[in-house]
């Protein structure tokens, strides 16, 4: 006999998460810039989530080594319980790139806490190995954690990588959630907090499985390019390129990769809707892309692909600018019927005599 609809509903409701811990590890190879950026978020803010300011999401217990009130063994206790399977559910947040701890004879690259039996540091890789299988979801914060970032540049001695490279690009949590990557160097604060909020809504049963692109980025945040949301996009269309810094024109010829880089900072701004690299005159160097930084170097040089496109747009843009100036001149004059009747009659007589 099939279960009654009511019993199915009550069983589903019992599976929804009412309280969840967030364990944040900053002990990868990083600069803590993503943690700092997060404190500037407003849509939502960290306070909104931690203090219960958003209805409909689970109660959140937030454990961050910099922002926590606890210290030492008291702080590490939650991570130890999670590794033992005694803290469930939890979201694991990783900040900083993941080093290769097997590429040297001795020592370690990064550690977090101390092993009570050996007195030696517990490496970041060990923590990931212990916690990843038990996590409800894993969130990689910033380009270092997502794809390796600056530290993973060719020739680096650490052999570091992003979390998908370490765990595997097809990895899924015990809840069936892929690694969620929110890149940026550092991460755009509202992008990260909005993604975290989505996962909390999903945990509460209020949202479907998070939608990710082939690079494991949230699709609604990283589908469009910087160029498509850039304040300077209209100048590119008109073939109006800046010849030096400080110009309001398009800065592709100054080295901006905006036309191909997937990032929403042009639209969203950096903090409180203000800023965003090209909006304030800074070229896009592709920090949200898996190929960063190697494939975007040397910086400050015109991207190879834009050499052809910018030349092609120059002739078209010149014609467009001329046509627009012609139309603009007409639109900057009032219609004749908005003048006094006597003046209209005088002008009409003058035209008849001519």
C-alpha atoms as a PDB file:
ATOM      1  CA  UNK A   1       0.000   0.000   0.000  1.00  0.00           C
ATOM      2  CA  UNK A   2       1.311   3.453  -0.903  1.00  0.00           C
ATOM      3  CA  UNK A   3       1.913   5.965   1.860  1.00  0.00           C
ATOM      4  CA  UNK A   4      -0.742   8.604   2.292  1.00  0.00           C
ATOM      5  CA  UNK A   5       0.168  12.070   0.941  1.00  0.00           C
ATOM      6  CA  UNK A   6       0.125  13.455   4.452  1.00  0.00           C
ATOM      7  CA  UNK A   7       2.689  10.952   5.719  1.00  0.00           C
ATOM      8  CA  UNK A   8       5.013  11.704   2.772  1.00  0.00           C
ATOM      9  CA  UNK A   9       4.788  15.398   3.552  1.00  0.00           C
ATOM     10  CA  UNK A  10       5.568  14.879   7.222  1.00  0.00           C
ATOM     11  CA  UNK A  11       8.538  12.601   6.379  1.00  0.00           C
ATOM     12  CA  UNK A  12       9.917  15.240   3.998  1.00  0.00           C
ATOM     13  CA  UNK A  13       9.452  17.947   6.624  1.00  0.00           C
ATOM     14  CA  UNK A  14      11.372  15.868   9.171  1.00  0.00           C
ATOM     15  CA  UNK A  15      14.347  15.746   6.770  1.00  0.00           C
ATOM     16  CA  UNK A  16      14.580  19.511   6.399  1.00  0.00           C
ATOM     17  CA  UNK A  17      17.487  21.094   8.231  1.00  0.00           C
ATOM     18  CA  UNK A  18      16.587  23.298  11.179  1.00  0.00           C
ATOM     19  CA  UNK A  19      20.116  24.089  12.413  1.00  0.00           C
ATOM     20  CA  UNK A  20      23.479  23.949  10.649  1.00  0.00           C
ATOM     21  CA  UNK A  21      27.116  24.695  11.435  1.00  0.00           C
ATOM     22  CA  UNK A  22      29.466  26.518   9.063  1.00  0.00           C
ATOM     23  CA  UNK A  23      33.101  25.489   9.469  1.00  0.00           C
ATOM     24  CA  UNK A  24      35.473  27.910   7.743  1.00  0.00           C
ATOM     25  CA  UNK A  25      39.113  26.958   7.172  1.00  0.00           C
ATOM     26  CA  UNK A  26      41.435  29.819   6.202  1.00  0.00           C
ATOM     27  CA  UNK A  27      44.579  27.690   6.429  1.00  0.00           C
ATOM     28  CA  UNK A  28      45.018  27.192   2.701  1.00  0.00           C
ATOM     29  CA  UNK A  29      47.608  29.203   0.794  1.00  0.00           C
ATOM     30  CA  UNK A  30      45.864  32.562   0.833  1.00  0.00           C
ATOM     31  CA  UNK A  31      45.865  36.096   2.201  1.00  0.00           C
ATOM     32  CA  UNK A  32      42.571  36.071   4.162  1.00  0.00           C
ATOM     33  CA  UNK A  33      41.296  38.579   1.604  1.00  0.00           C
ATOM     34  CA  UNK A  34      38.101  36.603   1.079  1.00  0.00           C
ATOM     35  CA  UNK A  35      37.323  36.707   4.797  1.00  0.00           C
ATOM     36  CA  UNK A  36      37.905  40.448   4.805  1.00  0.00           C
ATOM     37  CA  UNK A  37      35.734  40.922   1.712  1.00  0.00           C
ATOM     38  CA  UNK A  38      32.907  38.936   3.299  1.00  0.00           C
ATOM     39  CA  UNK A  39      32.616  41.467   6.132  1.00  0.00           C
ATOM     40  CA  UNK A  40      31.628  44.107   3.535  1.00  0.00           C
ATOM     41  CA  UNK A  41      28.664  42.121   2.191  1.00  0.00           C
ATOM     42  CA  UNK A  42      25.198  43.650   2.459  1.00  0.00           C
ATOM     43  CA  UNK A  43      23.012  41.406   0.233  1.00  0.00           C
ATOM     44  CA  UNK A  44      22.876  39.648   2.649  1.00  0.00           C
ATOM     45  CA  UNK A  45      25.360  40.595   5.331  1.00  0.00           C
ATOM     46  CA  UNK A  46      27.059  38.033   7.543  1.00  0.00           C
ATOM     47  CA  UNK A  47      25.178  39.510  10.497  1.00  0.00           C
ATOM     48  CA  UNK A  48      21.848  38.929   8.731  1.00  0.00           C
ATOM     49  CA  UNK A  49      22.566  35.211   8.497  1.00  0.00           C
ATOM     50  CA  UNK A  50      24.287  34.588  11.839  1.00  0.00           C
ATOM     51  CA  UNK A  51      21.849  36.627  13.935  1.00  0.00           C
ATOM     52  CA  UNK A  52      18.736  35.133  12.358  1.00  0.00           C
ATOM     53  CA  UNK A  53      17.709  38.204  10.399  1.00  0.00           C
ATOM     54  CA  UNK A  54      16.500  36.201   7.406  1.00  0.00           C
ATOM     55  CA  UNK A  55      13.342  34.121   7.900  1.00  0.00           C
ATOM     56  CA  UNK A  56      13.006  30.621   6.527  1.00  0.00           C
ATOM     57  CA  UNK A  57      16.621  29.466   6.790  1.00  0.00           C
ATOM     58  CA  UNK A  58      18.187  27.163   9.394  1.00  0.00           C
ATOM     59  CA  UNK A  59      19.739  28.526  12.558  1.00  0.00           C
ATOM     60  CA  UNK A  60      23.417  29.096  11.740  1.00  0.00           C
ATOM     61  CA  UNK A  61      26.383  28.422  14.024  1.00  0.00           C
ATOM     62  CA  UNK A  62      29.366  30.165  12.426  1.00  0.00           C
ATOM     63  CA  UNK A  63      32.936  29.062  13.168  1.00  0.00           C
ATOM     64  CA  UNK A  64      35.660  31.233  11.642  1.00  0.00           C
ATOM     65  CA  UNK A  65      39.197  31.358  13.112  1.00  0.00           C
ATOM     66  CA  UNK A  66      39.428  35.143  12.837  1.00  0.00           C
ATOM     67  CA  UNK A  67      35.895  36.124  13.800  1.00  0.00           C
ATOM     68  CA  UNK A  68      35.264  33.551  16.533  1.00  0.00           C
ATOM     69  CA  UNK A  69      35.099  34.461  20.211  1.00  0.00           C
ATOM     70  CA  UNK A  70      36.591  31.082  21.139  1.00  0.00           C
ATOM     71  CA  UNK A  71      40.313  30.392  20.871  1.00  0.00           C
ATOM     72  CA  UNK A  72      42.666  27.410  21.002  1.00  0.00           C
ATOM     73  CA  UNK A  73      41.229  24.014  21.878  1.00  0.00           C
ATOM     74  CA  UNK A  74      37.809  25.507  22.535  1.00  0.00           C
ATOM     75  CA  UNK A  75      37.620  26.748  18.946  1.00  0.00           C
ATOM     76  CA  UNK A  76      39.036  23.533  17.435  1.00  0.00           C
ATOM     77  CA  UNK A  77      36.468  21.379  19.257  1.00  0.00           C
ATOM     78  CA  UNK A  78      33.781  21.872  16.576  1.00  0.00           C
ATOM     79  CA  UNK A  79      36.145  20.796  13.810  1.00  0.00           C
ATOM     80  CA  UNK A  80      37.165  17.701  15.788  1.00  0.00           C
ATOM     81  CA  UNK A  81      33.538  16.757  16.425  1.00  0.00           C
ATOM     82  CA  UNK A  82      32.739  17.196  12.732  1.00  0.00           C
ATOM     83  CA  UNK A  83      35.680  14.955  11.768  1.00  0.00           C
ATOM     84  CA  UNK A  84      34.359  12.299  14.170  1.00  0.00           C
ATOM     85  CA  UNK A  85      30.906  12.482  12.632  1.00  0.00           C
ATOM     86  CA  UNK A  86      29.403  14.030  15.768  1.00  0.00           C
ATOM     87  CA  UNK A  87      28.516  17.400  14.233  1.00  0.00           C
ATOM     88  CA  UNK A  88      25.863  17.075  11.572  1.00  0.00           C
ATOM     89  CA  UNK A  89      24.956  18.780   9.318  1.00  0.00           C
ATOM     90  CA  UNK A  90      27.659  21.287   8.466  1.00  0.00           C
ATOM     91  CA  UNK A  91      28.842  23.345   5.499  1.00  0.00           C
ATOM     92  CA  UNK A  92      32.596  23.394   4.996  1.00  0.00           C
ATOM     93  CA  UNK A  93      34.099  26.616   3.598  1.00  0.00           C
ATOM     94  CA  UNK A  94      37.659  26.508   2.276  1.00  0.00           C
ATOM     95  CA  UNK A  95      39.696  29.677   1.704  1.00  0.00           C
ATOM     96  CA  UNK A  96      43.125  29.554   0.074  1.00  0.00           C
ATOM     97  CA  UNK A  97      44.639  27.139  -2.433  1.00  0.00           C
ATOM     98  CA  UNK A  98      45.353  23.523  -1.537  1.00  0.00           C
ATOM     99  CA  UNK A  99      49.077  22.617  -1.457  1.00  0.00           C
ATOM    100  CA  UNK A 100      50.559  19.307  -2.517  1.00  0.00           C
ATOM    101  CA  UNK A 101      51.859  17.885   0.742  1.00  0.00           C
ATOM    102  CA  UNK A 102      53.497  14.913  -1.045  1.00  0.00           C
ATOM    103  CA  UNK A 103      56.030  16.836  -3.182  1.00  0.00           C
ATOM    104  CA  UNK A 104      58.764  17.148  -0.539  1.00  0.00           C
ATOM    105  CA  UNK A 105      60.745  14.912   1.781  1.00  0.00           C
ATOM    106  CA  UNK A 106      59.857  16.652   5.029  1.00  0.00           C
ATOM    107  CA  UNK A 107      57.898  19.508   6.550  1.00  0.00           C
ATOM    108  CA  UNK A 108      54.500  20.779   5.537  1.00  0.00           C
ATOM    109  CA  UNK A 109      53.030  23.713   3.608  1.00  0.00           C
ATOM    110  CA  UNK A 110      49.953  24.680   5.633  1.00  0.00           C
ATOM    111  CA  UNK A 111      48.459  23.518   8.911  1.00  0.00           C
ATOM    112  CA  UNK A 112      45.478  24.123  11.158  1.00  0.00           C
ATOM    113  CA  UNK A 113      45.540  23.054  14.791  1.00  0.00           C
ATOM    114  CA  UNK A 114      47.791  20.492  16.485  1.00  0.00           C
ATOM    115  CA  UNK A 115      47.586  16.721  16.680  1.00  0.00           C
ATOM    116  CA  UNK A 116      47.204  15.852  20.380  1.00  0.00           C
ATOM    117  CA  UNK A 117      49.134  12.594  20.063  1.00  0.00           C
ATOM    118  CA  UNK A 118      52.124  13.727  17.989  1.00  0.00           C
ATOM    119  CA  UNK A 119      52.210  17.421  18.849  1.00  0.00           C
ATOM    120  CA  UNK A 120      52.618  18.143  15.146  1.00  0.00           C
ATOM    121  CA  UNK A 121      50.461  20.514  13.082  1.00  0.00           C
ATOM    122  CA  UNK A 122      47.488  18.968  11.288  1.00  0.00           C
ATOM    123  CA  UNK A 123      47.819  19.894   7.638  1.00  0.00           C
ATOM    124  CA  UNK A 124      45.005  21.605   5.772  1.00  0.00           C
ATOM    125  CA  UNK A 125      44.863  18.612   3.416  1.00  0.00           C
ATOM    126  CA  UNK A 126      44.296  16.266   6.378  1.00  0.00           C
ATOM    127  CA  UNK A 127      41.374  18.397   7.536  1.00  0.00           C
ATOM    128  CA  UNK A 128      39.838  18.342   4.068  1.00  0.00           C
ATOM    129  CA  UNK A 129      40.265  14.571   3.914  1.00  0.00           C
ATOM    130  CA  UNK A 130      38.556  14.178   7.286  1.00  0.00           C
ATOM    131  CA  UNK A 131      35.741  16.675   6.816  1.00  0.00           C
ATOM    132  CA  UNK A 132      34.796  16.470   3.123  1.00  0.00           C
ATOM    133  CA  UNK A 133      33.099  13.047   3.294  1.00  0.00           C
ATOM    134  CA  UNK A 134      30.917  14.223   6.180  1.00  0.00           C
ATOM    135  CA  UNK A 135      30.027  17.730   4.910  1.00  0.00           C
ATOM    136  CA  UNK A 136      26.483  18.544   3.782  1.00  0.00           C
ATOM    137  CA  UNK A 137      28.079  20.902   1.237  1.00  0.00           C
ATOM    138  CA  UNK A 138      31.487  22.403   0.476  1.00  0.00           C
ATOM    139  CA  UNK A 139      31.939  26.000  -0.599  1.00  0.00           C
ATOM    140  CA  UNK A 140      35.237  27.241  -2.078  1.00  0.00           C
ATOM    141  CA  UNK A 141      35.679  30.951  -1.353  1.00  0.00           C
ATOM    142  CA  UNK A 142      37.861  32.976  -3.712  1.00  0.00           C
ATOM    143  CA  UNK A 143      40.030  32.090  -6.703  1.00  0.00           C
ATOM    144  CA  UNK A 144      42.762  30.407  -4.669  1.00  0.00           C
ATOM    145  CA  UNK A 145      40.354  27.856  -3.203  1.00  0.00           C
ATOM    146  CA  UNK A 146      38.412  27.394  -6.429  1.00  0.00           C
ATOM    147  CA  UNK A 147      41.156  27.063  -9.055  1.00  0.00           C
ATOM    148  CA  UNK A 148      44.518  27.604  -7.317  1.00  0.00           C
ATOM    149  CA  UNK A 149      44.903  31.312  -8.018  1.00  0.00           C
ATOM    150  CA  UNK A 150      48.167  33.231  -7.721  1.00  0.00           C
ATOM    151  CA  UNK A 151      49.873  30.510  -5.687  1.00  0.00           C
ATOM    152  CA  UNK A 152      49.267  27.911  -8.411  1.00  0.00           C
ATOM    153  CA  UNK A 153      51.185  29.859 -11.058  1.00  0.00           C
ATOM    154  CA  UNK A 154      53.517  27.725 -13.190  1.00  0.00           C
ATOM    155  CA  UNK A 155      56.738  26.859 -11.386  1.00  0.00           C
ATOM    156  CA  UNK A 156      55.454  27.403  -7.845  1.00  0.00           C
ATOM    157  CA  UNK A 157      57.179  25.107  -5.305  1.00  0.00           C
ATOM    158  CA  UNK A 158      54.015  24.150  -3.419  1.00  0.00           C
ATOM    159  CA  UNK A 159      52.312  22.334  -6.305  1.00  0.00           C
ATOM    160  CA  UNK A 160      49.081  23.882  -5.057  1.00  0.00           C
ATOM    161  CA  UNK A 161      45.700  23.624  -6.722  1.00  0.00           C
ATOM    162  CA  UNK A 162      42.034  24.432  -6.307  1.00  0.00           C
ATOM    163  CA  UNK A 163      39.593  22.324  -4.306  1.00  0.00           C
ATOM    164  CA  UNK A 164      38.012  20.675  -7.402  1.00  0.00           C
ATOM    165  CA  UNK A 165      41.477  19.539  -8.491  1.00  0.00           C
ATOM    166  CA  UNK A 166      42.154  18.122  -5.036  1.00  0.00           C
ATOM    167  CA  UNK A 167      38.836  16.352  -4.454  1.00  0.00           C
ATOM    168  CA  UNK A 168      37.949  15.761  -8.114  1.00  0.00           C
ATOM    169  CA  UNK A 169      35.710  17.805 -10.411  1.00  0.00           C
ATOM    170  CA  UNK A 170      32.929  15.219 -10.181  1.00  0.00           C
ATOM    171  CA  UNK A 171      32.998  15.106  -6.370  1.00  0.00           C
ATOM    172  CA  UNK A 172      29.684  15.451  -4.556  1.00  0.00           C
ATOM    173  CA  UNK A 173      28.833  15.849  -0.897  1.00  0.00           C
ATOM    174  CA  UNK A 174      26.778  13.325   1.017  1.00  0.00           C
ATOM    175  CA  UNK A 175      23.763  15.499   0.136  1.00  0.00           C
ATOM    176  CA  UNK A 176      24.632  15.139  -3.560  1.00  0.00           C
ATOM    177  CA  UNK A 177      25.866  18.730  -3.932  1.00  0.00           C
ATOM    178  CA  UNK A 178      28.930  19.396  -6.143  1.00  0.00           C
ATOM    179  CA  UNK A 179      31.726  21.638  -4.893  1.00  0.00           C
ATOM    180  CA  UNK A 180      30.362  25.186  -5.103  1.00  0.00           C
ATOM    181  CA  UNK A 181      32.996  27.608  -6.400  1.00  0.00           C
ATOM    182  CA  UNK A 182      32.705  31.368  -5.904  1.00  0.00           C
ATOM    183  CA  UNK A 183      35.899  32.780  -7.474  1.00  0.00           C
ATOM    184  CA  UNK A 184      37.309  36.289  -7.268  1.00  0.00           C
ATOM    185  CA  UNK A 185      40.606  37.695  -6.039  1.00  0.00           C
ATOM    186  CA  UNK A 186      39.239  38.414  -3.553  1.00  0.00           C
ATOM    187  CA  UNK A 187      35.680  37.167  -3.895  1.00  0.00           C
ATOM    188  CA  UNK A 188      33.019  39.816  -4.529  1.00  0.00           C
ATOM    189  CA  UNK A 189      31.414  39.931  -1.044  1.00  0.00           C
ATOM    190  CA  UNK A 190      27.750  39.822  -2.044  1.00  0.00           C
ATOM    191  CA  UNK A 191      28.424  37.021  -4.542  1.00  0.00           C
ATOM    192  CA  UNK A 192      29.756  34.841  -1.747  1.00  0.00           C
ATOM    193  CA  UNK A 193      27.074  35.638   0.814  1.00  0.00           C
ATOM    194  CA  UNK A 194      24.282  35.272  -1.746  1.00  0.00           C
ATOM    195  CA  UNK A 195      25.602  31.822  -2.663  1.00  0.00           C
ATOM    196  CA  UNK A 196      25.822  30.835   0.991  1.00  0.00           C
ATOM    197  CA  UNK A 197      22.261  32.044   1.502  1.00  0.00           C
ATOM    198  CA  UNK A 198      21.109  29.954  -1.462  1.00  0.00           C
ATOM    199  CA  UNK A 199      22.629  26.828   0.107  1.00  0.00           C
ATOM    200  CA  UNK A 200      20.889  27.631   3.386  1.00  0.00           C
ATOM    201  CA  UNK A 201      17.587  28.039   1.532  1.00  0.00           C
ATOM    202  CA  UNK A 202      18.239  24.705  -0.157  1.00  0.00           C
ATOM    203  CA  UNK A 203      18.954  23.115   3.221  1.00  0.00           C
ATOM    204  CA  UNK A 204      15.629  24.440   4.485  1.00  0.00           C
ATOM    205  CA  UNK A 205      13.804  22.951   1.503  1.00  0.00           C
ATOM    206  CA  UNK A 206      12.980  26.334  -0.003  1.00  0.00           C
ATOM    207  CA  UNK A 207      15.141  26.054  -3.136  1.00  0.00           C
ATOM    208  CA  UNK A 208      16.074  23.387  -5.700  1.00  0.00           C
ATOM    209  CA  UNK A 209      19.588  22.041  -6.239  1.00  0.00           C
ATOM    210  CA  UNK A 210      21.988  24.921  -6.813  1.00  0.00           C
ATOM    211  CA  UNK A 211      22.676  25.566 -10.503  1.00  0.00           C
ATOM    212  CA  UNK A 212      26.378  25.541 -11.429  1.00  0.00           C
ATOM    213  CA  UNK A 213      28.253  26.011 -14.716  1.00  0.00           C
ATOM    214  CA  UNK A 214      31.045  23.787 -16.058  1.00  0.00           C
ATOM    215  CA  UNK A 215      33.544  25.551 -13.768  1.00  0.00           C
ATOM    216  CA  UNK A 216      31.230  24.904 -10.758  1.00  0.00           C
ATOM    217  CA  UNK A 217      30.299  28.601 -10.437  1.00  0.00           C
ATOM    218  CA  UNK A 218      26.698  29.657  -9.641  1.00  0.00           C
ATOM    219  CA  UNK A 219      25.161  30.195 -13.077  1.00  0.00           C
ATOM    220  CA  UNK A 220      23.110  33.253 -12.164  1.00  0.00           C
ATOM    221  CA  UNK A 221      26.223  35.098 -10.994  1.00  0.00           C
ATOM    222  CA  UNK A 222      28.758  34.117 -13.654  1.00  0.00           C
ATOM    223  CA  UNK A 223      26.816  33.632 -16.900  1.00  0.00           C
ATOM    224  CA  UNK A 224      27.505  37.116 -18.301  1.00  0.00           C
ATOM    225  CA  UNK A 225      30.869  38.695 -19.045  1.00  0.00           C
ATOM    226  CA  UNK A 226      32.345  41.789 -17.413  1.00  0.00           C
ATOM    227  CA  UNK A 227      31.938  43.581 -20.743  1.00  0.00           C
ATOM    228  CA  UNK A 228      28.191  42.903 -20.885  1.00  0.00           C
ATOM    229  CA  UNK A 229      27.703  44.738 -17.609  1.00  0.00           C
ATOM    230  CA  UNK A 230      30.456  47.341 -17.951  1.00  0.00           C
ATOM    231  CA  UNK A 231      29.817  51.076 -17.788  1.00  0.00           C
ATOM    232  CA  UNK A 232      32.276  51.451 -20.691  1.00  0.00           C
ATOM    233  CA  UNK A 233      30.601  48.943 -23.027  1.00  0.00           C
ATOM    234  CA  UNK A 234      29.004  51.644 -25.177  1.00  0.00           C
ATOM    235  CA  UNK A 235      32.410  53.146 -25.941  1.00  0.00           C
ATOM    236  CA  UNK A 236      33.621  49.781 -27.275  1.00  0.00           C
ATOM    237  CA  UNK A 237      30.613  49.577 -29.590  1.00  0.00           C
ATOM    238  CA  UNK A 238      31.494  53.002 -30.994  1.00  0.00           C
ATOM    239  CA  UNK A 239      35.159  52.110 -31.440  1.00  0.00           C
ATOM    240  CA  UNK A 240      36.151  54.698 -28.842  1.00  0.00           C
ATOM    241  CA  UNK A 241      39.210  53.299 -27.066  1.00  0.00           C
ATOM    242  CA  UNK A 242      41.240  54.925 -24.317  1.00  0.00           C
ATOM    243  CA  UNK A 243      44.800  55.779 -25.319  1.00  0.00           C
ATOM    244  CA  UNK A 244      45.891  56.373 -21.740  1.00  0.00           C
ATOM    245  CA  UNK A 245      44.666  55.715 -18.203  1.00  0.00           C
ATOM    246  CA  UNK A 246      42.187  58.176 -16.744  1.00  0.00           C
ATOM    247  CA  UNK A 247      39.967  58.200 -19.829  1.00  0.00           C
ATOM    248  CA  UNK A 248      36.251  57.361 -19.678  1.00  0.00           C
ATOM    249  CA  UNK A 249      36.489  55.356 -22.924  1.00  0.00           C
ATOM    250  CA  UNK A 250      36.800  51.583 -23.315  1.00  0.00           C
ATOM    251  CA  UNK A 251      40.052  50.259 -21.808  1.00  0.00           C
ATOM    252  CA  UNK A 252      40.429  47.059 -23.858  1.00  0.00           C
ATOM    253  CA  UNK A 253      43.556  48.473 -25.511  1.00  0.00           C
ATOM    254  CA  UNK A 254      44.996  49.100 -22.055  1.00  0.00           C
ATOM    255  CA  UNK A 255      44.823  45.368 -21.321  1.00  0.00           C
ATOM    256  CA  UNK A 256      41.230  44.752 -20.147  1.00  0.00           C
ATOM    257  CA  UNK A 257      39.988  41.165 -20.591  1.00  0.00           C
ATOM    258  CA  UNK A 258      36.367  42.113 -19.808  1.00  0.00           C
ATOM    259  CA  UNK A 259      34.841  40.927 -23.127  1.00  0.00           C
ATOM    260  CA  UNK A 260      35.642  37.274 -22.330  1.00  0.00           C
ATOM    261  CA  UNK A 261      35.799  37.073 -18.529  1.00  0.00           C
ATOM    262  CA  UNK A 262      32.724  35.749 -16.726  1.00  0.00           C
ATOM    263  CA  UNK A 263      32.084  38.046 -13.774  1.00  0.00           C
ATOM    264  CA  UNK A 264      29.280  40.350 -12.625  1.00  0.00           C
ATOM    265  CA  UNK A 265      31.354  42.990 -10.837  1.00  0.00           C
ATOM    266  CA  UNK A 266      30.630  45.557 -13.559  1.00  0.00           C
ATOM    267  CA  UNK A 267      26.917  45.339 -12.796  1.00  0.00           C
ATOM    268  CA  UNK A 268      27.050  44.632  -9.083  1.00  0.00           C
ATOM    269  CA  UNK A 269      29.900  46.891  -8.098  1.00  0.00           C
ATOM    270  CA  UNK A 270      32.258  45.986  -5.324  1.00  0.00           C
ATOM    271  CA  UNK A 271      30.739  47.189  -2.072  1.00  0.00           C
ATOM    272  CA  UNK A 272      27.260  48.609  -1.651  1.00  0.00           C
ATOM    273  CA  UNK A 273      26.893  48.749  -5.433  1.00  0.00           C
ATOM    274  CA  UNK A 274      29.937  51.035  -5.771  1.00  0.00           C
ATOM    275  CA  UNK A 275      33.129  50.250  -7.683  1.00  0.00           C
ATOM    276  CA  UNK A 276      33.997  47.277  -9.836  1.00  0.00           C
ATOM    277  CA  UNK A 277      37.326  47.100 -11.678  1.00  0.00           C
ATOM    278  CA  UNK A 278      36.509  48.642 -15.118  1.00  0.00           C
ATOM    279  CA  UNK A 279      33.933  50.997 -13.602  1.00  0.00           C
ATOM    280  CA  UNK A 280      36.704  52.825 -11.759  1.00  0.00           C
ATOM    281  CA  UNK A 281      39.320  52.577 -14.502  1.00  0.00           C
ATOM    282  CA  UNK A 282      41.012  49.304 -13.588  1.00  0.00           C
ATOM    283  CA  UNK A 283      41.480  46.686 -16.283  1.00  0.00           C
ATOM    284  CA  UNK A 284      39.934  43.234 -15.816  1.00  0.00           C
ATOM    285  CA  UNK A 285      42.710  40.657 -15.378  1.00  0.00           C
ATOM    286  CA  UNK A 286      40.414  37.610 -15.329  1.00  0.00           C
ATOM    287  CA  UNK A 287      40.568  36.650 -11.653  1.00  0.00           C
ATOM    288  CA  UNK A 288      37.273  34.706 -11.724  1.00  0.00           C
ATOM    289  CA  UNK A 289      38.458  32.347 -14.474  1.00  0.00           C
ATOM    290  CA  UNK A 290      40.073  28.899 -14.007  1.00  0.00           C
ATOM    291  CA  UNK A 291      42.988  29.985 -16.271  1.00  0.00           C
ATOM    292  CA  UNK A 292      44.003  32.842 -13.956  1.00  0.00           C
ATOM    293  CA  UNK A 293      46.726  34.068 -13.675  1.00  0.00           C
ATOM    294  CA  UNK A 294      48.864  32.169 -16.217  1.00  0.00           C
ATOM    295  CA  UNK A 295      46.584  32.565 -19.244  1.00  0.00           C
ATOM    296  CA  UNK A 296      46.101  36.309 -18.667  1.00  0.00           C
ATOM    297  CA  UNK A 297      49.744  37.308 -18.453  1.00  0.00           C
ATOM    298  CA  UNK A 298      51.502  39.579 -19.071  1.00  0.00           C
ATOM    299  CA  UNK A 299      49.036  41.989 -17.491  1.00  0.00           C
ATOM    300  CA  UNK A 300      48.592  45.527 -18.858  1.00  0.00           C
ATOM    301  CA  UNK A 301      49.040  44.319 -22.469  1.00  0.00           C
ATOM    302  CA  UNK A 302      46.203  44.326 -24.974  1.00  0.00           C
ATOM    303  CA  UNK A 303      44.658  40.813 -25.067  1.00  0.00           C
ATOM    304  CA  UNK A 304      45.626  39.042 -28.318  1.00  0.00           C
ATOM    305  CA  UNK A 305      42.027  38.351 -29.299  1.00  0.00           C
ATOM    306  CA  UNK A 306      41.053  41.994 -28.942  1.00  0.00           C
ATOM    307  CA  UNK A 307      43.646  43.149 -31.483  1.00  0.00           C
ATOM    308  CA  UNK A 308      41.476  41.910 -34.348  1.00  0.00           C
ATOM    309  CA  UNK A 309      38.108  42.744 -32.799  1.00  0.00           C
ATOM    310  CA  UNK A 310      39.091  46.291 -31.796  1.00  0.00           C
ATOM    311  CA  UNK A 311      40.464  46.989 -35.275  1.00  0.00           C
ATOM    312  CA  UNK A 312      37.307  45.612 -36.877  1.00  0.00           C
ATOM    313  CA  UNK A 313      35.060  47.731 -34.660  1.00  0.00           C
ATOM    314  CA  UNK A 314      37.003  50.950 -35.379  1.00  0.00           C
ATOM    315  CA  UNK A 315      35.585  51.536 -38.885  1.00  0.00           C
ATOM    316  CA  UNK A 316      32.089  50.515 -37.876  1.00  0.00           C
ATOM    317  CA  UNK A 317      32.299  52.616 -34.720  1.00  0.00           C
ATOM    318  CA  UNK A 318      33.364  55.745 -36.608  1.00  0.00           C
ATOM    319  CA  UNK A 319      30.280  55.487 -38.846  1.00  0.00           C
ATOM    320  CA  UNK A 320      28.025  54.880 -35.870  1.00  0.00           C
ATOM    321  CA  UNK A 321      29.424  57.907 -34.019  1.00  0.00           C
ATOM    322  CA  UNK A 322      28.853  60.154 -37.060  1.00  0.00           C
ATOM    323  CA  UNK A 323      25.254  59.008 -37.477  1.00  0.00           C
ATOM    324  CA  UNK A 324      24.560  59.445 -33.782  1.00  0.00           C
ATOM    325  CA  UNK A 325      26.022  62.952 -33.736  1.00  0.00           C
ATOM    326  CA  UNK A 326      23.763  63.869 -36.686  1.00  0.00           C
ATOM    327  CA  UNK A 327      20.688  62.539 -34.878  1.00  0.00           C
ATOM    328  CA  UNK A 328      21.811  64.098 -31.598  1.00  0.00           C
ATOM    329  CA  UNK A 329      22.069  67.535 -33.218  1.00  0.00           C
ATOM    330  CA  UNK A 330      18.447  67.242 -34.361  1.00  0.00           C
ATOM    331  CA  UNK A 331      17.220  66.029 -30.978  1.00  0.00           C
ATOM    332  CA  UNK A 332      18.950  68.882 -29.178  1.00  0.00           C
ATOM    333  CA  UNK A 333      16.545  71.375 -30.817  1.00  0.00           C
ATOM    334  CA  UNK A 334      12.961  71.928 -29.747  1.00  0.00           C
ATOM    335  CA  UNK A 335      10.110  71.380 -32.254  1.00  0.00           C
ATOM    336  CA  UNK A 336       9.066  74.569 -34.056  1.00  0.00           C
ATOM    337  CA  UNK A 337       5.534  74.493 -32.635  1.00  0.00           C
ATOM    338  CA  UNK A 338       6.840  75.154 -29.131  1.00  0.00           C
ATOM    339  CA  UNK A 339       7.412  78.834 -29.999  1.00  0.00           C
ATOM    340  CA  UNK A 340       5.036  81.840 -29.719  1.00  0.00           C
ATOM    341  CA  UNK A 341       2.534  82.042 -32.594  1.00  0.00           C
ATOM    342  CA  UNK A 342       3.872  85.433 -33.736  1.00  0.00           C
ATOM    343  CA  UNK A 343       7.423  84.097 -33.980  1.00  0.00           C
ATOM    344  CA  UNK A 344       6.256  81.033 -35.928  1.00  0.00           C
ATOM    345  CA  UNK A 345       4.379  83.302 -38.397  1.00  0.00           C
ATOM    346  CA  UNK A 346       7.438  85.517 -38.823  1.00  0.00           C
ATOM    347  CA  UNK A 347       9.703  82.569 -39.497  1.00  0.00           C
ATOM    348  CA  UNK A 348       7.154  81.117 -41.959  1.00  0.00           C
ATOM    349  CA  UNK A 349       7.016  84.469 -43.849  1.00  0.00           C
ATOM    350  CA  UNK A 350      10.778  84.610 -43.962  1.00  0.00           C
ATOM    351  CA  UNK A 351      10.902  81.158 -45.474  1.00  0.00           C
ATOM    352  CA  UNK A 352       8.227  82.085 -48.095  1.00  0.00           C
ATOM    353  CA  UNK A 353      10.243  85.106 -49.242  1.00  0.00           C
ATOM    354  CA  UNK A 354      13.272  82.923 -49.668  1.00  0.00           C
END
